[in-house]
């Protein structure tokens, strides 16, 4: 029987980095590649699922495929940003900006643009200067376009969208949506079930977003059991030790329960066991060895509880959404029916009643080509602004710049609430110079002159 000293270390290293293909992972991988390369009307996508299911693995594989397929060395088709639980609100935005620019420092143009950028160079700097925030944002947008980035993956995305206590819960999502729309770069948020709830706080943003669940394997489903066993077998067959694969496969349900049906948890468990046996000069992978390296009962209970709770929350939210939609449709149908019944000129089928004819009003018929009525060029931004009424009135500045199209409009203060009015999308590219309210990274600020 060979000893670890007789086995090449490269086999152990290869096993440590082994990523097993299985149906759940391949399905999500195909979905992401289609979303990145195909035609789409959305710029945000949330990929959510239980911890250890394989979300980070599939992201790494997709990024590797995109980079390997790119023949132009000056192009970076995909990058990964890691969100931090310590950063909230504007701090999370700044961390995002800095991580993006860090990955592009190999490009001379990006190095030139960042060498005098305060919020990039001084990592501990805090700033309320809207000009500094606009400058770093503009450089990030420039970098994404210059390097022709197709997709930005934000791992642990729920931390990036965590609400800031000083701003409304949808502020982070609005910021990311605007950034993605301006650059036309798909942003894939990857995280746990909290991510799904954060991404459904705003109806306007939901239109520009798609969801993808990365499900775990459930042991009460025959097909899913077979797929899990296939993944388990692939792992065991690649172990660089002596393994009785059929004997261990007979314990497949034990493997499934102790890994909560997540192939990521299963892979980490087996790799850690093999690594431990290797360091102890042991050559056989056994159930006893696997038991000693398994997660503790409280850890498994926590993973199982979070997975079940998250799955239940999402399922309940989807059912509730369907019920709410049907209720709205029923209300609308009843209102139409009531309107038709109340109108003496029509019956329930919209036909005129017989009786005295309706005379046409005396008006001049239009002559020549007429401009079509209605405006299809409306800007999508119209919202309450987080500007204190006292601060607004004392400023003497009454107009604000739309963060979507840069149109200038009179801000409306009614009942103590400041609103940006509905408006047509700005058609000109003339630089704005007057003093105006502009949405910064932390709050709305007054700025004069051009932003760029």
Protein backbone atom coordinates (compact mmCIF):
# COMPACT_ATOMS: atom_id res chain seq x y z
CA UNK A 1 0.00 0.00 0.00
CA UNK A 2 1.49 3.41 -0.93
CA UNK A 3 2.27 5.91 1.82
CA UNK A 4 1.73 9.67 1.51
CA UNK A 5 5.48 10.09 0.99
CA UNK A 6 5.21 7.91 -2.11
CA UNK A 7 2.26 9.88 -3.56
CA UNK A 8 2.96 13.05 -5.55
CA UNK A 9 2.01 16.24 -3.70
CA UNK A 10 0.55 17.56 -6.94
CA UNK A 11 -2.31 15.07 -6.58
CA UNK A 12 -3.19 16.56 -3.21
CA UNK A 13 -2.98 20.10 -4.60
CA UNK A 14 -5.18 19.15 -7.54
CA UNK A 15 -7.74 17.66 -5.20
CA UNK A 16 -7.71 20.74 -2.96
CA UNK A 17 -8.72 22.90 -5.92
CA UNK A 18 -11.11 20.36 -7.47
CA UNK A 19 -14.52 21.81 -8.39
CA UNK A 20 -17.01 19.06 -9.14
CA UNK A 21 -19.50 19.67 -11.93
CA UNK A 22 -23.06 18.74 -11.02
CA UNK A 23 -26.50 19.53 -12.50
CA UNK A 24 -27.38 22.42 -10.16
CA UNK A 25 -24.08 24.19 -10.80
CA UNK A 26 -24.17 23.61 -14.56
CA UNK A 27 -27.72 24.95 -14.78
CA UNK A 28 -26.78 28.19 -13.01
CA UNK A 29 -23.59 28.48 -15.06
CA UNK A 30 -25.53 28.27 -18.33
CA UNK A 31 -28.02 30.85 -17.08
CA UNK A 32 -25.28 33.33 -16.17
CA UNK A 33 -23.45 32.93 -19.48
CA UNK A 34 -26.69 33.54 -21.39
CA UNK A 35 -27.47 36.61 -19.29
CA UNK A 36 -23.99 38.06 -19.85
CA UNK A 37 -23.68 37.42 -23.58
CA UNK A 38 -27.28 37.43 -24.80
CA UNK A 39 -29.79 40.20 -25.40
CA UNK A 40 -31.33 41.50 -22.17
CA UNK A 41 -33.35 44.46 -20.97
CA UNK A 42 -32.05 44.34 -17.40
CA UNK A 43 -28.76 45.41 -15.80
CA UNK A 44 -29.12 43.83 -12.34
CA UNK A 45 -29.35 40.16 -11.40
CA UNK A 46 -29.45 38.60 -7.95
CA UNK A 47 -28.17 35.05 -7.46
CA UNK A 48 -29.21 33.80 -4.05
CA UNK A 49 -29.14 30.53 -2.16
CA UNK A 50 -28.11 28.68 0.98
CA UNK A 51 -24.60 29.00 2.37
CA UNK A 52 -22.19 26.46 0.87
CA UNK A 53 -24.39 25.61 -2.10
CA UNK A 54 -21.70 26.63 -4.63
CA UNK A 55 -22.46 30.25 -5.54
CA UNK A 56 -18.87 31.48 -5.30
CA UNK A 57 -17.66 28.44 -7.22
CA UNK A 58 -19.95 29.06 -10.18
CA UNK A 59 -18.98 32.74 -10.25
CA UNK A 60 -15.27 31.87 -10.36
CA UNK A 61 -15.88 29.38 -13.17
CA UNK A 62 -17.89 31.85 -15.24
CA UNK A 63 -15.24 34.57 -14.81
CA UNK A 64 -12.52 32.11 -15.82
CA UNK A 65 -14.43 31.08 -18.94
CA UNK A 66 -15.04 34.69 -20.00
CA UNK A 67 -11.40 35.65 -19.51
CA UNK A 68 -10.09 32.55 -21.30
CA UNK A 69 -12.35 33.24 -24.27
CA UNK A 70 -11.17 36.87 -24.58
CA UNK A 71 -8.39 37.25 -27.16
CA UNK A 72 -7.74 40.96 -26.61
CA UNK A 73 -5.37 41.41 -23.63
CA UNK A 74 -6.58 44.99 -23.14
CA UNK A 75 -10.13 43.81 -22.40
CA UNK A 76 -11.27 42.62 -18.96
CA UNK A 77 -14.70 41.05 -19.54
CA UNK A 78 -15.49 40.18 -15.91
CA UNK A 79 -14.42 41.15 -12.40
CA UNK A 80 -15.38 40.09 -8.88
CA UNK A 81 -15.95 42.49 -5.99
CA UNK A 82 -16.22 41.22 -2.41
CA UNK A 83 -18.73 43.15 -0.29
CA UNK A 84 -17.90 43.58 3.40
CA UNK A 85 -20.32 43.37 6.34
CA UNK A 86 -18.41 46.19 8.07
CA UNK A 87 -19.29 48.71 5.36
CA UNK A 88 -22.79 50.20 5.08
CA UNK A 89 -24.23 52.88 2.84
CA UNK A 90 -21.65 55.33 1.47
CA UNK A 91 -18.79 53.28 2.96
CA UNK A 92 -19.96 50.24 0.98
CA UNK A 93 -20.09 52.34 -2.19
CA UNK A 94 -16.57 53.64 -1.66
CA UNK A 95 -15.28 50.11 -1.02
CA UNK A 96 -16.92 49.03 -4.29
CA UNK A 97 -15.25 51.89 -6.18
CA UNK A 98 -11.84 51.14 -4.69
CA UNK A 99 -12.00 47.42 -5.43
CA UNK A 100 -12.98 48.05 -9.05
CA UNK A 101 -10.14 50.51 -9.59
CA UNK A 102 -7.65 48.18 -7.85
CA UNK A 103 -8.27 45.55 -10.51
CA UNK A 104 -7.53 48.00 -13.34
CA UNK A 105 -4.23 49.46 -12.10
CA UNK A 106 -2.38 47.51 -14.79
CA UNK A 107 -3.81 49.91 -17.37
CA UNK A 108 -1.80 53.17 -17.80
CA UNK A 109 -4.92 55.30 -18.38
CA UNK A 110 -6.50 54.12 -15.12
CA UNK A 111 -3.28 54.68 -13.16
CA UNK A 112 -3.14 58.20 -14.57
CA UNK A 113 -6.75 58.96 -13.60
CA UNK A 114 -6.36 57.61 -10.04
CA UNK A 115 -2.96 59.05 -9.05
CA UNK A 116 -4.60 62.25 -7.76
CA UNK A 117 -7.94 60.79 -6.68
CA UNK A 118 -8.34 61.50 -2.92
CA UNK A 119 -11.06 58.97 -2.18
CA UNK A 120 -9.08 56.22 -3.91
CA UNK A 121 -5.61 56.97 -2.54
CA UNK A 122 -6.60 57.74 1.07
CA UNK A 123 -8.40 54.56 2.14
CA UNK A 124 -9.36 55.93 5.54
CA UNK A 125 -10.60 59.26 4.21
CA UNK A 126 -14.15 60.37 4.91
CA UNK A 127 -15.63 63.07 2.74
CA UNK A 128 -18.92 64.94 2.37
CA UNK A 129 -17.62 66.86 -0.62
CA UNK A 130 -19.94 65.95 -3.52
CA UNK A 131 -17.26 66.90 -6.05
CA UNK A 132 -14.88 64.24 -4.69
CA UNK A 133 -17.59 61.58 -4.80
CA UNK A 134 -18.60 62.50 -8.33
CA UNK A 135 -14.96 62.40 -9.41
CA UNK A 136 -14.33 58.86 -8.13
CA UNK A 137 -17.62 57.63 -9.58
CA UNK A 138 -16.78 59.12 -12.97
CA UNK A 139 -13.38 57.38 -12.98
CA UNK A 140 -15.03 54.04 -12.16
CA UNK A 141 -17.53 54.48 -15.00
CA UNK A 142 -14.67 55.46 -17.34
CA UNK A 143 -12.70 52.36 -16.32
CA UNK A 144 -15.62 49.98 -16.87
CA UNK A 145 -16.14 51.37 -20.36
CA UNK A 146 -12.45 51.50 -21.28
CA UNK A 147 -11.79 47.89 -20.25
CA UNK A 148 -15.06 46.81 -21.93
CA UNK A 149 -16.31 45.05 -18.81
CA UNK A 150 -19.39 42.93 -19.46
CA UNK A 151 -20.21 41.88 -15.91
CA UNK A 152 -19.33 42.77 -12.33
CA UNK A 153 -19.99 40.04 -9.77
CA UNK A 154 -20.55 41.30 -6.22
CA UNK A 155 -20.00 38.37 -3.85
CA UNK A 156 -21.84 38.60 -0.51
CA UNK A 157 -24.03 41.17 -2.25
CA UNK A 158 -26.45 41.43 0.67
CA UNK A 159 -23.80 43.48 2.50
CA UNK A 160 -23.59 46.02 -0.35
CA UNK A 161 -27.37 46.52 -0.23
CA UNK A 162 -27.71 46.60 3.56
CA UNK A 163 -29.74 49.73 4.38
CA UNK A 164 -28.02 52.81 5.74
CA UNK A 165 -29.74 54.04 8.95
CA UNK A 166 -29.48 57.63 7.67
CA UNK A 167 -31.14 56.97 4.32
CA UNK A 168 -34.14 55.12 2.98
CA UNK A 169 -33.74 51.32 2.55
CA UNK A 170 -33.84 51.52 -1.25
CA UNK A 171 -31.00 54.07 -1.51
CA UNK A 172 -28.28 51.47 -2.15
CA UNK A 173 -30.36 49.68 -4.78
CA UNK A 174 -31.17 52.97 -6.51
CA UNK A 175 -27.47 53.87 -6.58
CA UNK A 176 -26.44 50.52 -8.06
CA UNK A 177 -29.26 50.59 -10.62
CA UNK A 178 -28.19 54.05 -11.81
CA UNK A 179 -24.54 52.96 -12.06
CA UNK A 180 -25.43 49.81 -14.00
CA UNK A 181 -27.71 51.74 -16.35
CA UNK A 182 -25.12 54.43 -17.08
CA UNK A 183 -22.39 51.92 -17.88
CA UNK A 184 -24.63 49.18 -19.34
CA UNK A 185 -22.56 46.68 -17.34
CA UNK A 186 -24.48 43.75 -15.88
CA UNK A 187 -24.10 43.59 -12.10
CA UNK A 188 -24.70 40.16 -10.57
CA UNK A 189 -25.31 40.27 -6.82
CA UNK A 190 -24.44 36.96 -5.20
CA UNK A 191 -25.53 36.18 -1.66
CA UNK A 192 -27.91 34.58 0.81
CA UNK A 193 -31.69 34.80 1.05
CA UNK A 194 -31.53 38.33 2.53
CA UNK A 195 -30.41 39.45 -0.92
CA UNK A 196 -33.75 38.44 -2.44
CA UNK A 197 -35.65 40.64 0.01
CA UNK A 198 -33.34 43.65 -0.48
CA UNK A 199 -33.79 43.39 -4.25
CA UNK A 200 -37.59 43.54 -4.05
CA UNK A 201 -38.01 46.73 -2.03
CA UNK A 202 -38.38 48.94 -5.08
CA UNK A 203 -40.89 48.32 -7.86
CA UNK A 204 -39.11 50.57 -10.35
CA UNK A 205 -35.83 48.70 -9.82
CA UNK A 206 -37.52 45.32 -10.03
CA UNK A 207 -38.28 45.99 -13.70
CA UNK A 208 -34.53 46.24 -14.35
CA UNK A 209 -33.67 43.10 -12.38
CA UNK A 210 -33.91 39.33 -12.66
CA UNK A 211 -33.68 36.64 -9.97
CA UNK A 212 -31.91 33.29 -10.03
CA UNK A 213 -32.09 30.81 -7.18
CA UNK A 214 -29.18 28.39 -6.71
CA UNK A 215 -31.02 25.51 -5.00
CA UNK A 216 -29.49 22.83 -2.82
CA UNK A 217 -30.33 19.12 -3.17
CA UNK A 218 -33.32 17.83 -1.19
CA UNK A 219 -33.19 14.23 -0.04
CA UNK A 220 -36.96 13.72 -0.31
CA UNK A 221 -36.77 14.05 -4.11
CA UNK A 222 -35.65 10.98 -6.09
CA UNK A 223 -34.11 12.90 -9.00
CA UNK A 224 -32.24 15.27 -6.71
CA UNK A 225 -30.94 12.33 -4.67
CA UNK A 226 -29.51 10.76 -7.80
CA UNK A 227 -27.83 14.02 -8.80
CA UNK A 228 -26.34 14.43 -5.32
CA UNK A 229 -24.98 10.88 -5.38
CA UNK A 230 -23.36 11.61 -8.75
CA UNK A 231 -21.55 14.63 -7.30
CA UNK A 232 -20.48 12.57 -4.26
CA UNK A 233 -19.11 9.81 -6.48
CA UNK A 234 -17.08 12.29 -8.54
CA UNK A 235 -15.49 13.65 -5.38
CA UNK A 236 -14.65 10.22 -3.96
CA UNK A 237 -13.16 9.00 -7.23
CA UNK A 238 -10.69 11.90 -7.22
CA UNK A 239 -9.49 11.45 -3.64
CA UNK A 240 -5.69 10.87 -3.70
CA UNK A 241 -5.95 8.13 -1.04
CA UNK A 242 -7.26 4.59 -0.90
CA UNK A 243 -11.07 4.77 -1.08
CA UNK A 244 -13.72 2.06 -1.15
CA UNK A 245 -16.07 4.13 -3.30
CA UNK A 246 -19.04 1.69 -3.36
CA UNK A 247 -18.90 1.27 0.42
CA UNK A 248 -18.89 5.02 1.04
CA UNK A 249 -21.63 5.60 -1.53
CA UNK A 250 -23.87 3.31 0.49
CA UNK A 251 -23.82 6.09 3.12
CA UNK A 252 -25.03 8.70 0.63
CA UNK A 253 -27.96 9.81 2.82
CA UNK A 254 -25.57 10.40 5.71
CA UNK A 255 -23.40 12.55 3.44
CA UNK A 256 -26.48 14.44 2.26
CA UNK A 257 -27.84 15.15 5.72
CA UNK A 258 -24.48 16.19 7.18
CA UNK A 259 -23.77 18.53 4.25
CA UNK A 260 -27.36 19.90 4.25
CA UNK A 261 -27.60 18.92 0.57
CA UNK A 262 -24.99 21.53 -0.43
CA UNK A 263 -22.19 20.29 -2.68
CA UNK A 264 -19.96 23.17 -1.55
CA UNK A 265 -20.22 22.01 2.07
CA UNK A 266 -19.69 18.41 0.97
CA UNK A 267 -16.55 19.30 -1.02
CA UNK A 268 -15.00 21.33 1.81
CA UNK A 269 -15.70 18.50 4.24
CA UNK A 270 -14.03 15.80 2.13
CA UNK A 271 -11.06 18.01 1.17
CA UNK A 272 -10.43 18.93 4.81
CA UNK A 273 -10.60 15.24 5.80
CA UNK A 274 -8.16 14.19 3.07
CA UNK A 275 -5.80 17.03 3.98
CA UNK A 276 -5.87 15.99 7.63
CA UNK A 277 -5.26 12.32 6.82
CA UNK A 278 -2.40 13.26 4.52
CA UNK A 279 -0.70 15.30 7.25
CA UNK A 280 -1.08 12.32 9.65
CA UNK A 281 0.50 9.90 7.13
CA UNK A 282 -2.75 7.95 6.80
CA UNK A 283 -3.71 6.48 3.46
CA UNK A 284 -7.34 5.32 3.72
CA UNK A 285 -10.46 7.48 3.67
CA UNK A 286 -13.03 6.00 6.06
CA UNK A 287 -16.38 6.94 7.59
CA UNK A 288 -14.67 7.34 10.98
CA UNK A 289 -12.18 9.82 9.51
CA UNK A 290 -14.96 11.75 7.81
CA UNK A 291 -16.95 11.87 11.04
CA UNK A 292 -14.03 13.41 12.93
CA UNK A 293 -13.73 16.25 10.40
CA UNK A 294 -17.45 16.91 9.91
CA UNK A 295 -19.17 20.10 11.03
CA UNK A 296 -20.37 20.08 14.62
CA UNK A 297 -24.10 19.45 15.26
CA UNK A 298 -24.76 23.09 16.17
CA UNK A 299 -23.10 24.22 12.91
CA UNK A 300 -25.13 21.80 10.82
CA UNK A 301 -28.31 22.80 12.66
CA UNK A 302 -27.63 26.46 11.95
CA UNK A 303 -26.99 25.84 8.24
CA UNK A 304 -30.12 23.69 7.92
CA UNK A 305 -32.26 26.21 9.79
CA UNK A 306 -31.05 29.16 7.69
CA UNK A 307 -31.56 27.21 4.45
CA UNK A 308 -35.10 26.13 5.36
CA UNK A 309 -36.06 29.56 6.68
CA UNK A 310 -34.72 31.29 3.58
CA UNK A 311 -36.45 28.90 1.20
CA UNK A 312 -39.72 29.33 3.08
CA UNK A 313 -39.44 33.15 3.09
CA UNK A 314 -38.85 33.33 -0.65
CA UNK A 315 -41.63 30.84 -1.43
CA UNK A 316 -44.05 32.74 0.79
CA UNK A 317 -43.06 36.09 -0.77
CA UNK A 318 -43.67 34.74 -4.28
CA UNK A 319 -47.09 33.33 -3.34
CA UNK A 320 -48.02 36.62 -1.68
CA UNK A 321 -46.92 38.55 -4.78
CA UNK A 322 -49.13 36.37 -6.98
CA UNK A 323 -52.08 36.91 -4.66
CA UNK A 324 -51.49 40.69 -4.55
CA UNK A 325 -51.27 40.84 -8.35
CA UNK A 326 -54.49 38.87 -8.78
CA UNK A 327 -56.24 41.09 -6.26
CA UNK A 328 -55.16 44.21 -8.16
CA UNK A 329 -56.35 42.72 -11.44
CA UNK A 330 -59.71 41.81 -9.87
CA UNK A 331 -60.10 45.34 -8.51
CA UNK A 332 -59.34 46.81 -11.91
CA UNK A 333 -61.83 44.46 -13.60
CA UNK A 334 -64.54 45.40 -11.08
CA UNK A 335 -63.86 49.11 -11.57
CA UNK A 336 -64.24 48.74 -15.34
CA UNK A 337 -67.44 46.79 -14.88
CA UNK A 338 -68.84 49.43 -12.53
CA UNK A 339 -67.89 52.22 -14.93
CA UNK A 340 -69.63 50.48 -17.83
CA UNK A 341 -72.75 49.89 -15.74
CA UNK A 342 -72.88 53.51 -14.59
CA UNK A 343 -72.43 54.95 -18.11
CA UNK A 344 -75.92 55.36 -19.71
CA UNK A 345 -74.38 55.54 -23.17
CA UNK A 346 -73.11 51.96 -23.11
CA UNK A 347 -74.20 48.56 -21.93
CA UNK A 348 -71.93 45.87 -20.50
CA UNK A 349 -70.55 45.06 -23.98
CA UNK A 350 -69.60 48.63 -24.77
CA UNK A 351 -72.45 49.05 -27.34
CA UNK A 352 -74.54 52.22 -27.60
CA UNK A 353 -78.12 52.24 -26.29
CA UNK A 354 -80.81 52.90 -28.86
CA UNK A 355 -82.53 56.21 -28.44
CA UNK A 356 -81.75 59.84 -29.06
CA UNK A 357 -78.62 60.10 -31.20
CA UNK A 358 -75.59 61.81 -29.71
CA UNK A 359 -74.80 65.03 -31.55
CA UNK A 360 -71.21 65.85 -32.40
CA UNK A 361 -69.76 68.98 -30.80
CA UNK A 362 -68.97 71.90 -33.08
CA UNK A 363 -65.17 71.88 -33.47
CA UNK A 364 -62.74 72.44 -36.30
CA UNK A 365 -61.30 69.23 -37.76
CA UNK A 366 -57.49 69.08 -37.72
CA UNK A 367 -55.85 69.92 -41.04
CA UNK A 368 -52.55 68.50 -42.29
CA UNK A 369 -50.08 66.36 -40.35
CA UNK A 370 -50.59 66.49 -36.63
CA UNK A 371 -47.96 65.81 -34.00
CA UNK A 372 -48.82 62.69 -32.02
CA UNK A 373 -50.10 63.34 -28.53
CA UNK A 374 -48.44 61.93 -25.49
CA UNK A 375 -44.77 61.75 -24.62
CA UNK A 376 -42.83 58.54 -24.82
CA UNK A 377 -39.58 60.21 -23.71
CA UNK A 378 -40.33 60.47 -20.00
CA UNK A 379 -37.47 60.07 -17.55
CA UNK A 380 -37.93 57.26 -15.04
CA UNK A 381 -36.70 59.29 -12.06
CA UNK A 382 -39.36 60.91 -9.88
CA UNK A 383 -39.05 60.46 -6.16
CA UNK A 384 -39.03 61.90 -2.63
CA UNK A 385 -35.67 63.48 -1.80
CA UNK A 386 -33.89 63.06 1.52
CA UNK A 387 -33.28 66.80 1.96
CA UNK A 388 -34.46 68.37 5.19
CA UNK A 389 -37.09 71.09 4.44
CA UNK A 390 -35.28 73.63 6.64
CA UNK A 391 -31.98 73.00 4.89
CA UNK A 392 -33.69 73.35 1.51
CA UNK A 393 -35.42 76.64 2.34
CA UNK A 394 -32.32 78.20 3.91
CA UNK A 395 -30.17 77.32 0.89
CA UNK A 396 -32.02 79.61 -1.52
CA UNK A 397 -31.46 77.01 -4.26
CA UNK A 398 -34.73 75.75 -5.69
CA UNK A 399 -33.67 73.63 -8.65
CA UNK A 400 -32.20 70.14 -8.71
CA UNK A 401 -30.40 67.96 -11.25
CA UNK A 402 -31.95 64.60 -12.13
CA UNK A 403 -29.46 61.78 -11.33
CA UNK A 404 -30.76 59.82 -14.33
CA UNK A 405 -30.78 62.32 -17.22
CA UNK A 406 -29.24 65.51 -15.68
CA UNK A 407 -32.37 67.60 -16.36
CA UNK A 408 -32.86 70.67 -14.15
CA UNK A 409 -36.27 70.98 -12.51
CA UNK A 410 -37.91 73.04 -9.78
CA UNK A 411 -38.07 70.95 -6.60
CA UNK A 412 -41.51 70.73 -5.02
CA UNK A 413 -42.00 71.08 -1.24
CA UNK A 414 -45.44 69.93 -0.14
CA UNK A 415 -46.55 68.99 3.37
CA UNK A 416 -42.95 68.94 4.56
CA UNK A 417 -41.85 66.49 1.84
CA UNK A 418 -39.51 67.49 -0.97
CA UNK A 419 -40.13 65.81 -4.33
CA UNK A 420 -38.45 65.77 -7.70
CA UNK A 421 -41.22 66.21 -10.31
CA UNK A 422 -42.01 63.90 -13.19
CA UNK A 423 -40.33 65.26 -16.31
CA UNK A 424 -39.21 64.65 -19.86
CA UNK A 425 -35.78 63.15 -20.40
CA UNK A 426 -33.12 65.79 -21.13
CA UNK A 427 -32.24 65.92 -24.83
CA UNK A 428 -29.22 68.30 -24.89
CA UNK A 429 -25.65 67.69 -23.75
CA UNK A 430 -24.88 71.27 -22.63
CA UNK A 431 -22.94 71.27 -19.36
CA UNK A 432 -24.89 72.57 -16.36
CA UNK A 433 -23.26 75.53 -14.57
CA UNK A 434 -25.88 77.05 -12.27
CA UNK A 435 -26.08 76.34 -8.55
CA UNK A 436 -28.30 73.30 -8.05
CA UNK A 437 -29.01 70.29 -5.87
CA UNK A 438 -27.13 67.15 -6.99
CA UNK A 439 -27.39 63.63 -5.58
CA UNK A 440 -24.03 62.79 -4.02
CA UNK A 441 -22.81 59.52 -2.59
CA UNK A 442 -23.97 60.29 0.95
CA UNK A 443 -26.77 62.84 0.47
CA UNK A 444 -28.10 65.58 -1.82
CA UNK A 445 -25.67 68.53 -1.98
CA UNK A 446 -25.51 71.96 -3.60
CA UNK A 447 -22.97 72.27 -6.38
CA UNK A 448 -22.11 74.98 -8.89
CA UNK A 449 -20.28 74.66 -12.20
CA UNK A 450 -19.87 71.44 -14.15
CA UNK A 451 -19.61 67.99 -12.61
CA UNK A 452 -16.93 66.75 -14.98
